[in-house]
Amino acid sequence: MSLELVKESVKINNLVGEDTAQTIVEHDIIVPDTNPDAARILLIDGEIYEKSSEVLQDKVAVNGAIRYKILYISEDESNKVRSINTSNEFSYSVDVLNARYGLKSNVKCEIEHLDYEILYGRKIKVKAILKFNVKVCEEVEQNFVNNIDGLEDIEVLKDNIDVNSTLGENNAYCIVNESIEIPAGKPTIKEILRSDVKVVGKDYKVADNKIIAKGDLNVLTLYIADDEENSIQFIEHELPFTQFIEIQGVNEACDCEVDYKVINYSFRAAEDNDGELRILSSEVELMLKAQAYERREIDVLADAYSLSRKLNIEQKSFNTKKIVGKEKNQIIVKDTVNIDGDSPEIAQVFNVLSKPSMLECNIGEGTVTLEGAVNNSILYLANNSELPISCYDCEVPFKQNIEVNEINPKMNCEVELEVEHCNYSMISASEVEIRVIINVCIKVIDSVQLPLITKVTENPLEDKKTESPSIVIYFSQPDDDLWKIAKKYHTTVDNIKKTNNLSEEDNIVPGQQVMIPRKSKISQ
């Protein structure tokens, strides 16, 4: 009877390669025909989003867009604040060694810096420094040998390993439509200048074959009022949403990751029952990307031998990344910011855009130390007729030790920082107190490397192996264990224990005398 390997198959998502890259993207922004010429830029920022990515040979092609939001002072006699909200596309290829057609990619991109120049009244040149982090993964069916059939006298040694088995992934698109009434104390809308949207209160639950994701859209809208002064006003509101993401086989015992992306939004003023523009008609499009996996314990055949035959074992190296655990925490960063003399005095703060960045991550025994900074853009209405809106940029450093179970310096971790909330209060015309709550998600990753048995063949034992004394006296060597000794002399661990009166807990030490029982002839 030929030998047959008993196998267990597990779907695994292997990391093929990853890399980071920077590039400079330039766009010419044309002032819309309905707007007057631009004389001075008050504020310019952008939001980046990936539209598609394709894995090619040794690279990943990324297509995306930057949504520019510009506030400027017009060149006409009114010197009014006007806005430009436009989207410009970009394409870039990130080199990733070993990438190839058909594999999956995970792309994260961000704007590191924006610079601009007014070429003339109707054209603004913008330069954006973009940063990309790209991972390429391959989903494979990995076979693990856990036993051998075909011989009755086979002894096997097994290891127990934990692997992350991929269940699947899926994307879901969610469109949130809402009509918001302007609060009674606010004047009617004349023109919407800009809107900022972010997802807060993220949460999800796992049910059979689906993930239920929910959250709130925090929306802040800046507008010109339809009053005598054409005053600049702002309102803030939240839009709740819930979205089902279907993944076959997922259940409450699984581990999941859900990524929320705002990919498009629009806001327009609409009439209420009295015919006044006191309704903000909102439409926000989200993409939710979910991945699900389960932790499985696999019995893996580490070694084997026969009492009567010679086994030839072939192995190959198995390398993968195992998610050891996740830790969620928060960092609170607060500071009092002094507006310098070159900036106009503050009349009212209407928003603070905060973006955390990590500069250093150090892993210790059971701890992760994060060092970084929060870059804040304080948007405010100014006590200055020439600069009615201004922006002040500041950076607040932070350092935080976070306890993370099971982590050690030999492991790696992936850290995601995201602003959950930013509180601010105006202390004086030149001072603003800010308090930023940063959500920290740490994923602990361990590299798993072990030999896997792939093939076993048998041959007769050599004559000198089949004839031996009835008992052998052996003195153990360093690194010996009962399995190695039993395999060497084609006996069993139980026989050695019984002959030497060893219990289950007893271990041998170097130089220890071990009596090994042998038959005078092993039948073949």
Protein backbone atom coordinates (compact mmCIF):
# COMPACT_ATOMS: atom_id res chain seq x y z
CA MET A 1 0.00 0.00 0.00
CA SER A 2 1.45 3.36 -0.99
CA LEU A 3 1.76 6.21 1.46
CA GLU A 4 -0.96 8.84 1.42
CA LEU A 5 -0.64 12.29 2.96
CA VAL A 6 -3.67 13.49 4.89
CA LYS A 7 -4.04 17.22 4.25
CA GLU A 8 -6.07 20.16 5.47
CA SER A 9 -6.58 23.12 3.14
CA VAL A 10 -6.73 26.71 4.41
CA LYS A 11 -7.27 29.89 2.38
CA ILE A 12 -4.53 32.39 3.26
CA ASN A 13 -3.90 35.97 2.15
CA ASN A 14 -0.14 36.21 1.61
CA LEU A 15 1.69 39.52 1.41
CA VAL A 16 3.64 39.49 -1.86
CA GLY A 17 5.21 42.92 -1.49
CA GLU A 18 4.73 46.47 -0.27
CA ASP A 19 6.30 49.86 -0.78
CA THR A 20 5.82 53.57 -0.22
CA ALA A 21 6.32 56.35 -2.74
CA GLN A 22 5.99 60.09 -3.18
CA THR A 23 5.15 62.13 -6.23
CA ILE A 24 4.28 65.70 -7.17
CA VAL A 25 1.04 66.33 -9.01
CA GLU A 26 0.38 69.67 -10.71
CA HIS A 27 -3.04 70.96 -11.71
CA ASP A 28 -4.21 74.18 -13.31
CA ILE A 29 -7.47 75.28 -11.72
CA ILE A 30 -9.62 77.57 -13.83
CA VAL A 31 -11.93 80.01 -12.06
CA PRO A 32 -15.54 79.18 -13.09
CA ASP A 33 -17.20 81.55 -15.55
CA THR A 34 -19.78 82.49 -12.93
CA ASN A 35 -17.08 83.66 -10.50
CA PRO A 36 -15.07 86.90 -10.55
CA ASP A 37 -11.28 86.85 -10.93
CA ALA A 38 -9.14 85.77 -7.97
CA ALA A 39 -7.04 88.47 -6.31
CA ARG A 40 -5.87 86.68 -3.16
CA ILE A 41 -6.12 83.11 -1.85
CA LEU A 42 -7.50 82.90 1.67
CA LEU A 43 -7.49 79.14 2.04
CA ILE A 44 -6.71 76.15 -0.15
CA ASP A 45 -6.78 72.51 0.84
CA GLY A 46 -7.57 69.20 -0.76
CA GLU A 47 -8.99 65.75 -0.20
CA ILE A 48 -7.59 62.75 -2.03
CA TYR A 49 -9.40 59.57 -2.89
CA GLU A 50 -8.46 56.48 -4.87
CA LYS A 51 -10.77 55.63 -7.75
CA SER A 52 -9.12 52.43 -8.94
CA SER A 53 -5.89 50.46 -8.82
CA GLU A 54 -4.48 47.69 -10.99
CA VAL A 55 -1.65 45.31 -10.19
CA LEU A 56 0.83 44.99 -13.06
CA GLN A 57 4.24 43.34 -13.30
CA ASP A 58 6.35 44.74 -10.43
CA LYS A 59 4.12 47.79 -10.01
CA VAL A 60 0.65 49.02 -9.10
CA ALA A 61 -1.10 51.63 -11.24
CA VAL A 62 -3.22 54.00 -9.14
CA ASN A 63 -5.93 56.29 -10.50
CA GLY A 64 -7.49 58.85 -8.23
CA ALA A 65 -8.66 62.40 -7.83
CA ILE A 66 -8.03 65.40 -5.61
CA ARG A 67 -11.00 67.47 -4.51
CA TYR A 68 -9.68 71.04 -4.18
CA LYS A 69 -11.47 73.53 -1.95
CA ILE A 70 -10.42 77.14 -2.39
CA LEU A 71 -11.59 80.34 -0.74
CA TYR A 72 -10.39 83.58 -2.30
CA ILE A 73 -10.93 87.33 -2.37
CA SER A 74 -12.38 88.52 -5.65
CA GLU A 75 -10.61 91.11 -7.80
CA ASP A 76 -13.74 93.19 -8.44
CA GLU A 77 -14.80 96.19 -6.41
CA SER A 78 -16.78 94.14 -3.93
CA ASN A 79 -13.70 92.24 -2.65
CA LYS A 80 -16.06 89.49 -1.58
CA VAL A 81 -15.14 85.99 -0.48
CA ARG A 82 -15.76 83.47 -3.24
CA SER A 83 -15.12 79.76 -3.51
CA ILE A 84 -13.93 77.16 -6.00
CA ASN A 85 -14.74 73.51 -5.43
CA THR A 86 -13.37 71.27 -8.14
CA SER A 87 -11.98 67.79 -8.66
CA ASN A 88 -8.91 66.91 -10.73
CA GLU A 89 -7.73 63.42 -11.60
CA PHE A 90 -4.23 61.92 -11.35
CA SER A 91 -2.47 58.67 -12.24
CA TYR A 92 0.69 57.22 -10.75
CA SER A 93 2.48 53.87 -10.72
CA VAL A 94 4.13 52.61 -7.52
CA ASP A 95 6.94 50.08 -7.91
CA VAL A 96 6.26 46.92 -5.89
CA LEU A 97 8.73 44.08 -6.39
CA ASN A 98 7.16 40.67 -7.15
CA ALA A 99 3.77 42.18 -8.00
CA ARG A 100 2.11 40.55 -10.98
CA TYR A 101 -1.10 40.68 -12.96
CA GLY A 102 -4.25 39.50 -11.25
CA LEU A 103 -3.19 39.99 -7.63
CA LYS A 104 -5.01 42.23 -5.17
CA SER A 105 -3.78 45.59 -3.97
CA ASN A 106 -4.45 47.76 -0.95
CA VAL A 107 -3.67 51.42 -1.59
CA LYS A 108 -3.57 54.25 0.91
CA CYS A 109 -2.81 57.76 -0.30
CA GLU A 110 -2.62 61.14 1.35
CA ILE A 111 -1.73 64.74 0.58
CA GLU A 112 1.44 65.72 2.43
CA HIS A 113 1.66 69.32 1.21
CA LEU A 114 -0.10 71.80 -1.06
CA ASP A 115 1.41 74.84 -2.73
CA TYR A 116 -0.17 77.28 -5.15
CA GLU A 117 0.44 80.27 -7.39
CA ILE A 118 -2.06 82.65 -8.99
CA LEU A 119 -0.89 82.76 -12.62
CA TYR A 120 -3.50 85.38 -13.42
CA GLY A 121 -7.00 86.21 -12.27
CA ARG A 122 -8.62 83.16 -13.83
CA LYS A 123 -5.97 80.48 -13.38
CA ILE A 124 -4.39 79.04 -10.25
CA LYS A 125 -1.53 76.53 -10.42
CA VAL A 126 -1.54 73.98 -7.60
CA LYS A 127 1.25 71.57 -6.68
CA ALA A 128 0.41 68.65 -4.41
CA ILE A 129 2.92 66.28 -2.80
CA LEU A 130 1.24 62.88 -2.58
CA LYS A 131 2.31 59.90 -0.48
CA PHE A 132 1.32 56.32 -1.34
CA ASN A 133 1.47 53.17 0.74
CA VAL A 134 0.77 50.09 -1.38
CA LYS A 135 0.47 46.42 -0.46
CA VAL A 136 0.05 43.55 -2.90
CA CYS A 137 -1.48 40.30 -1.66
CA GLU A 138 -2.19 36.89 -3.12
CA GLU A 139 -4.99 34.62 -1.96
CA VAL A 140 -3.77 31.01 -1.96
CA GLU A 141 -5.06 27.62 -0.89
CA GLN A 142 -2.36 26.38 1.48
CA ASN A 143 -2.22 22.63 2.17
CA PHE A 144 -1.04 21.46 5.58
CA VAL A 145 -0.09 17.77 6.02
CA ASN A 146 -1.32 16.50 9.38
CA ASN A 147 -0.99 12.70 9.05
CA ILE A 148 0.25 9.79 6.93
CA ASP A 149 -1.77 6.75 5.92
CA GLY A 150 -0.42 3.54 4.41
CA LEU A 151 1.80 2.02 7.13
CA GLU A 152 0.69 0.70 10.51
CA ASP A 153 3.95 1.36 12.37
CA ILE A 154 4.40 5.05 11.60
CA GLU A 155 5.27 7.41 14.45
CA VAL A 156 4.32 11.06 13.92
CA LEU A 157 5.29 14.33 15.59
CA LYS A 158 2.85 17.21 15.27
CA ASP A 159 3.00 20.95 15.83
CA ASN A 160 0.01 23.15 16.50
CA ILE A 161 0.04 26.47 14.66
CA ASP A 162 -2.37 29.39 14.45
CA VAL A 163 -3.15 30.80 11.01
CA ASN A 164 -5.46 33.54 9.78
CA SER A 165 -7.81 31.93 7.30
CA THR A 166 -9.31 34.38 4.80
CA LEU A 167 -13.09 34.20 4.50
CA GLY A 168 -13.49 36.92 1.92
CA GLU A 169 -13.87 40.62 1.26
CA ASN A 170 -16.47 42.86 -0.28
CA ASN A 171 -17.21 46.50 -1.04
CA ALA A 172 -20.52 48.24 -0.45
CA TYR A 173 -21.59 51.70 -1.56
CA CYS A 174 -23.80 53.80 0.65
CA ILE A 175 -25.53 57.02 -0.42
CA VAL A 176 -26.84 59.25 2.36
CA ASN A 177 -29.48 61.78 1.31
CA GLU A 178 -30.84 64.26 3.81
CA SER A 179 -32.60 67.64 3.81
CA ILE A 180 -31.40 69.76 6.73
CA GLU A 181 -33.25 72.81 7.99
CA ILE A 182 -31.15 75.87 8.78
CA PRO A 183 -31.46 76.64 12.53
CA ALA A 184 -33.88 79.43 13.39
CA GLY A 185 -31.12 81.72 14.64
CA LYS A 186 -29.22 81.57 11.34
CA PRO A 187 -29.93 83.74 8.25
CA THR A 188 -31.01 82.34 4.88
CA ILE A 189 -28.42 80.87 2.52
CA LYS A 190 -27.24 82.97 -0.40
CA GLU A 191 -24.22 80.92 -1.50
CA ILE A 192 -22.48 77.82 -0.11
CA LEU A 193 -18.73 78.40 0.14
CA ARG A 194 -17.43 75.04 1.34
CA SER A 195 -18.39 71.88 3.17
CA ASP A 196 -16.24 69.48 5.18
CA VAL A 197 -17.32 65.88 5.71
CA LYS A 198 -15.80 63.23 7.95
CA VAL A 199 -16.97 59.90 9.33
CA VAL A 200 -17.20 59.64 13.13
CA GLY A 201 -18.61 57.08 15.55
CA LYS A 202 -17.54 54.14 13.39
CA ASP A 203 -18.82 50.78 14.56
CA TYR A 204 -19.86 47.44 13.14
CA LYS A 205 -21.48 44.19 14.18
CA VAL A 206 -21.07 40.78 12.60
CA ALA A 207 -24.04 38.56 11.82
CA ASP A 208 -24.42 35.44 9.70
CA ASN A 209 -23.04 36.12 6.21
CA LYS A 210 -22.95 39.89 6.66
CA ILE A 211 -21.37 42.80 8.46
CA ILE A 212 -23.56 45.65 9.71
CA ALA A 213 -21.52 48.85 9.57
CA LYS A 214 -22.73 52.15 10.94
CA GLY A 215 -21.51 55.61 11.78
CA ASP A 216 -22.24 59.32 11.55
CA LEU A 217 -21.28 61.87 8.94
CA ASN A 218 -20.08 65.05 10.59
CA VAL A 219 -20.80 67.89 8.14
CA LEU A 220 -19.72 71.50 8.57
CA THR A 221 -20.96 74.02 5.99
CA LEU A 222 -19.67 77.55 5.47
CA TYR A 223 -21.98 79.88 3.56
CA ILE A 224 -22.67 83.48 2.63
CA ALA A 225 -25.90 84.66 4.20
CA ASP A 226 -28.65 86.46 2.34
CA ASP A 227 -28.63 89.47 4.65
CA GLU A 228 -27.61 93.12 4.33
CA GLU A 229 -23.98 92.45 5.28
CA ASN A 230 -23.65 89.26 3.22
CA SER A 231 -22.25 87.84 6.43
CA ILE A 232 -20.34 84.57 6.52
CA GLN A 233 -22.07 81.87 8.56
CA PHE A 234 -21.42 78.23 9.38
CA ILE A 235 -23.59 75.34 10.51
CA GLU A 236 -22.76 71.85 11.72
CA HIS A 237 -24.87 68.71 11.63
CA GLU A 238 -24.55 64.92 11.69
CA LEU A 239 -26.11 62.35 9.39
CA PRO A 240 -26.36 58.76 10.69
CA PHE A 241 -26.01 55.83 8.31
CA THR A 242 -26.11 52.03 8.35
CA GLN A 243 -24.88 49.70 5.62
CA PHE A 244 -24.94 45.92 5.19
CA ILE A 245 -21.84 44.29 3.66
CA GLU A 246 -22.37 40.74 2.44
CA ILE A 247 -19.56 38.21 2.97
CA GLN A 248 -20.44 34.54 2.67
CA GLY A 249 -19.40 32.47 5.68
CA VAL A 250 -18.79 35.32 8.10
CA ASN A 251 -20.17 34.98 11.65
CA GLU A 252 -19.78 36.46 15.12
CA ALA A 253 -16.65 34.43 15.83
CA CYS A 254 -14.76 36.00 12.92
CA ASP A 255 -12.39 38.95 12.94
CA CYS A 256 -13.26 41.77 10.56
CA GLU A 257 -11.81 45.02 9.30
CA VAL A 258 -14.00 47.76 7.84
CA ASP A 259 -12.58 50.77 6.01
CA TYR A 260 -14.81 53.83 5.50
CA LYS A 261 -14.13 56.24 2.62
CA VAL A 262 -16.03 59.37 1.63
CA ILE A 263 -15.72 59.35 -2.16
CA ASN A 264 -18.12 62.13 -3.16
CA TYR A 265 -20.53 64.67 -1.73
CA SER A 266 -22.66 67.60 -2.79
CA PHE A 267 -24.65 70.24 -0.93
CA ARG A 268 -27.08 72.76 -2.36
CA ALA A 269 -29.48 75.31 -0.96
CA ALA A 270 -33.18 74.45 -1.40
CA GLU A 271 -36.39 76.29 -0.64
CA ASP A 272 -38.52 75.57 2.41
CA ASN A 273 -42.33 75.81 2.51
CA ASP A 274 -42.09 79.61 2.59
CA GLY A 275 -39.92 79.74 -0.53
CA GLU A 276 -36.77 80.73 1.37
CA LEU A 277 -33.40 79.02 0.93
CA ARG A 278 -33.35 77.51 4.40
CA ILE A 279 -32.92 73.87 3.44
CA LEU A 280 -29.53 72.26 2.92
CA SER A 281 -30.00 69.37 0.52
CA SER A 282 -27.21 66.86 1.19
CA GLU A 283 -25.94 63.84 -0.69
CA VAL A 284 -22.86 61.94 0.49
CA GLU A 285 -21.48 58.81 -1.17
CA LEU A 286 -19.46 56.37 0.90
CA MET A 287 -17.54 53.24 0.04
CA LEU A 288 -17.15 50.65 2.77
CA LYS A 289 -14.55 47.94 2.26
CA ALA A 290 -14.72 44.92 4.56
CA GLN A 291 -12.38 41.98 5.05
CA ALA A 292 -13.14 38.94 7.19
CA TYR A 293 -10.93 36.16 8.46
CA GLU A 294 -10.97 33.54 11.19
CA ARG A 295 -8.21 32.23 13.39
CA ARG A 296 -7.72 28.52 12.95
CA GLU A 297 -5.60 26.09 14.91
CA ILE A 298 -4.01 23.58 12.55
CA ASP A 299 -2.25 20.33 13.51
CA VAL A 300 0.78 20.17 11.24
CA LEU A 301 2.95 17.10 10.71
CA ALA A 302 6.43 18.15 11.79
CA ASP A 303 8.24 14.80 11.50
CA ALA A 304 7.60 11.09 11.01
CA TYR A 305 9.37 7.76 10.86
CA SER A 306 8.53 4.09 10.52
CA LEU A 307 9.71 1.22 12.73
CA SER A 308 10.16 -1.03 9.71
CA ARG A 309 10.74 1.22 6.70
CA LYS A 310 12.91 4.20 5.79
CA LEU A 311 10.87 7.34 5.14
CA ASN A 312 12.21 10.02 2.80
CA ILE A 313 10.64 13.35 3.73
CA GLU A 314 10.62 16.40 1.46
CA GLN A 315 9.89 19.84 2.92
CA LYS A 316 9.50 23.43 1.79
CA SER A 317 9.60 26.64 3.78
CA PHE A 318 6.27 28.23 4.68
CA ASN A 319 6.26 31.97 5.36
CA THR A 320 3.27 34.05 6.29
CA LYS A 321 2.17 36.94 8.48
CA LYS A 322 -0.02 36.17 11.45
CA ILE A 323 -2.20 38.77 13.17
CA VAL A 324 -1.47 38.17 16.85
CA GLY A 325 -3.96 40.72 18.12
CA LYS A 326 -5.39 44.21 17.92
CA GLU A 327 -5.38 47.02 20.41
CA LYS A 328 -7.59 50.10 20.30
CA ASN A 329 -6.76 53.15 22.36
CA GLN A 330 -6.98 56.91 22.34
CA ILE A 331 -4.49 59.74 22.54
CA ILE A 332 -5.64 63.14 23.78
CA VAL A 333 -3.60 66.06 22.50
CA LYS A 334 -4.31 69.54 23.78
CA ASP A 335 -2.60 72.90 23.53
CA THR A 336 -3.24 76.62 23.61
CA VAL A 337 -2.32 78.11 20.24
CA ASN A 338 -1.18 81.72 20.01
CA ILE A 339 -1.92 83.36 16.67
CA ASP A 340 1.16 85.34 15.65
CA GLY A 341 1.12 89.00 14.70
CA ASP A 342 1.20 88.38 10.95
CA SER A 343 -2.28 86.85 11.02
CA PRO A 344 -5.48 88.86 11.53
CA GLU A 345 -7.25 88.70 14.87
CA ILE A 346 -9.94 86.11 15.42
CA ALA A 347 -13.60 87.06 15.43
CA GLN A 348 -14.94 83.49 15.50
CA VAL A 349 -13.45 80.04 14.89
CA PHE A 350 -15.62 77.95 12.56
CA ASN A 351 -13.52 74.80 12.18
CA VAL A 352 -10.24 73.13 13.04
CA LEU A 353 -8.93 70.59 10.54
CA SER A 354 -6.65 68.17 12.40
CA LYS A 355 -4.43 65.54 10.83
CA PRO A 356 -2.25 63.22 12.95
CA SER A 357 1.05 61.89 11.65
CA MET A 358 3.34 59.31 13.21
CA LEU A 359 7.06 60.02 13.20
CA GLU A 360 8.35 57.06 15.20
CA CYS A 361 7.06 53.76 16.55
CA ASN A 362 9.10 51.72 19.04
CA ILE A 363 8.10 48.22 20.14
CA GLY A 364 8.99 46.93 23.60
CA GLU A 365 7.89 44.04 25.77
CA GLY A 366 4.14 44.51 26.00
CA THR A 367 4.24 48.16 24.95
CA VAL A 368 4.28 50.34 21.86
CA THR A 369 5.63 53.89 22.07
CA LEU A 370 4.26 56.32 19.50
CA GLU A 371 5.77 59.70 18.72
CA GLY A 372 4.24 62.10 16.28
CA ALA A 373 2.41 65.35 15.80
CA VAL A 374 -1.03 66.68 15.04
CA ASN A 375 -1.10 69.25 12.24
CA ASN A 376 -3.95 71.69 12.82
CA SER A 377 -5.44 74.23 10.45
CA ILE A 378 -7.54 76.71 12.41
CA LEU A 379 -10.18 78.21 10.11
CA TYR A 380 -11.69 81.41 11.46
CA LEU A 381 -13.64 84.55 10.67
CA ALA A 382 -11.29 87.50 11.12
CA ASN A 383 -11.68 91.03 12.41
CA ASN A 384 -10.37 92.32 9.11
CA SER A 385 -12.41 93.58 6.17
CA GLU A 386 -9.63 92.78 3.69
CA LEU A 387 -9.13 89.26 5.08
CA PRO A 388 -12.56 88.22 6.35
CA ILE A 389 -11.52 84.56 6.52
CA SER A 390 -8.14 83.27 7.58
CA CYS A 391 -6.35 80.04 8.35
CA TYR A 392 -3.61 79.50 10.90
CA ASP A 393 -1.50 76.34 10.79
CA CYS A 394 0.17 74.89 13.84
CA GLU A 395 1.70 71.60 14.94
CA VAL A 396 1.27 69.95 18.34
CA PRO A 397 3.65 67.07 19.17
CA PHE A 398 2.66 63.99 21.16
CA LYS A 399 4.28 60.92 22.71
CA GLN A 400 2.28 58.03 24.11
CA ASN A 401 3.05 54.61 25.60
CA ILE A 402 0.32 52.07 24.88
CA GLU A 403 0.11 48.65 26.51
CA VAL A 404 -0.31 45.90 23.93
CA ASN A 405 -0.66 42.32 25.07
CA GLU A 406 1.61 39.67 23.55
CA ILE A 407 3.80 42.08 21.60
CA ASN A 408 7.59 41.91 21.75
CA PRO A 409 10.45 43.63 19.89
CA LYS A 410 10.72 40.74 17.39
CA MET A 411 7.23 41.47 16.07
CA ASN A 412 5.92 44.20 13.83
CA CYS A 413 2.85 46.35 14.12
CA GLU A 414 0.66 48.45 11.87
CA VAL A 415 -0.61 51.67 13.41
CA GLU A 416 -3.55 53.70 12.19
CA LEU A 417 -4.24 57.16 13.60
CA GLU A 418 -7.54 58.90 13.01
CA VAL A 419 -9.10 62.00 14.53
CA GLU A 420 -12.29 61.06 16.35
CA HIS A 421 -13.14 64.55 17.54
CA CYS A 422 -11.64 68.02 17.88
CA ASN A 423 -12.87 70.49 20.49
CA TYR A 424 -11.82 74.10 20.32
CA SER A 425 -12.60 77.27 22.20
CA MET A 426 -11.60 80.85 21.59
CA ILE A 427 -9.83 82.32 24.62
CA SER A 428 -9.05 85.71 23.11
CA ALA A 429 -8.64 87.37 19.73
CA SER A 430 -5.22 85.73 19.45
CA GLU A 431 -5.58 82.51 21.45
CA VAL A 432 -7.40 79.26 20.71
CA GLU A 433 -7.47 76.22 22.95
CA ILE A 434 -7.68 72.95 21.00
CA ARG A 435 -8.23 69.41 22.25
CA VAL A 436 -7.89 66.57 19.74
CA ILE A 437 -8.97 62.99 20.44
CA ILE A 438 -7.06 60.54 18.25
CA ASN A 439 -8.24 56.98 17.81
CA VAL A 440 -5.32 54.55 17.72
CA CYS A 441 -5.64 51.09 16.19
CA ILE A 442 -2.59 48.84 16.55
CA LYS A 443 -2.44 45.56 14.66
CA VAL A 444 0.23 43.20 16.02
CA ILE A 445 1.82 41.07 13.30
CA ASP A 446 4.20 38.15 13.75
CA SER A 447 6.21 36.52 10.99
CA VAL A 448 5.62 32.76 10.83
CA GLN A 449 8.29 30.61 9.23
CA LEU A 450 8.35 26.82 9.46
CA PRO A 451 9.11 23.83 7.24
CA LEU A 452 6.10 22.03 5.79
CA ILE A 453 6.16 18.40 4.70
CA THR A 454 5.15 18.14 1.05
CA LYS A 455 6.10 14.59 0.05
CA VAL A 456 6.93 11.28 1.79
CA THR A 457 8.28 8.13 0.12
CA GLU A 458 9.41 4.80 1.64
CA ASN A 459 12.31 2.41 1.16
CA PRO A 460 13.47 -0.76 2.95
CA LEU A 461 15.77 -0.26 5.91
CA GLU A 462 19.43 -1.02 5.33
CA ASP A 463 20.64 -4.37 6.74
CA LYS A 464 22.73 -2.69 9.40
CA LYS A 465 19.59 -0.91 10.56
CA THR A 466 17.46 -4.04 10.65
CA GLU A 467 19.86 -6.09 12.77
CA SER A 468 20.84 -4.70 16.15
CA PRO A 469 21.31 -5.75 19.78
CA SER A 470 18.22 -6.36 21.86
CA ILE A 471 19.09 -3.30 23.93
CA VAL A 472 21.27 -0.25 23.32
CA ILE A 473 22.88 1.91 26.00
CA TYR A 474 22.89 5.52 24.79
CA PHE A 475 24.24 8.64 26.45
CA SER A 476 22.18 11.66 25.46
CA GLN A 477 23.78 14.59 23.65
CA PRO A 478 23.00 18.31 23.82
CA ASP A 479 19.76 19.15 21.98
CA ASP A 480 18.61 15.53 22.19
CA ASP A 481 15.04 14.71 23.10
CA LEU A 482 13.15 11.43 23.31
CA TRP A 483 11.69 11.87 19.82
CA LYS A 484 15.13 12.24 18.19
CA ILE A 485 16.49 9.21 20.05
CA ALA A 486 13.47 7.04 19.26
CA LYS A 487 13.62 8.00 15.58
CA LYS A 488 17.35 7.26 15.38
CA TYR A 489 16.93 3.72 16.75
CA HIS A 490 13.52 3.00 15.15
CA THR A 491 11.68 2.46 18.38
CA THR A 492 8.92 4.44 20.07
CA VAL A 493 8.98 7.18 22.66
CA ASP A 494 6.62 5.12 24.85
CA ASN A 495 9.01 2.15 24.80
CA ILE A 496 11.91 4.33 25.92
CA LYS A 497 9.84 5.85 28.72
CA LYS A 498 8.66 2.43 29.90
CA THR A 499 12.16 0.89 29.84
CA ASN A 500 13.72 3.84 31.70
CA ASN A 501 10.82 4.42 34.12
CA LEU A 502 10.27 7.95 32.80
CA SER A 503 7.03 9.79 33.45
CA GLU A 504 5.24 12.06 30.96
CA GLU A 505 6.82 15.11 32.58
CA ASP A 506 10.40 13.80 32.69
CA ASN A 507 12.96 15.33 30.34
CA ILE A 508 16.39 13.96 29.54
CA VAL A 509 19.56 15.96 30.14
CA PRO A 510 22.93 15.82 28.32
CA GLY A 511 25.01 12.82 29.41
CA GLN A 512 22.03 10.91 30.78
CA GLN A 513 22.11 7.15 30.21
CA VAL A 514 19.15 5.94 28.18
CA MET A 515 18.37 2.25 27.61
CA ILE A 516 16.80 1.68 24.21
CA PRO A 517 14.92 -1.61 23.66
CA ARG A 518 15.37 -3.18 20.24
CA LYS A 519 14.15 -6.30 18.51
CA SER A 520 16.92 -8.55 17.19
CA LYS A 521 15.29 -8.49 13.75
CA ILE A 522 12.76 -6.06 12.38
CA SER A 523 10.51 -7.65 9.83
CA GLN A 524 10.30 -5.85 6.51
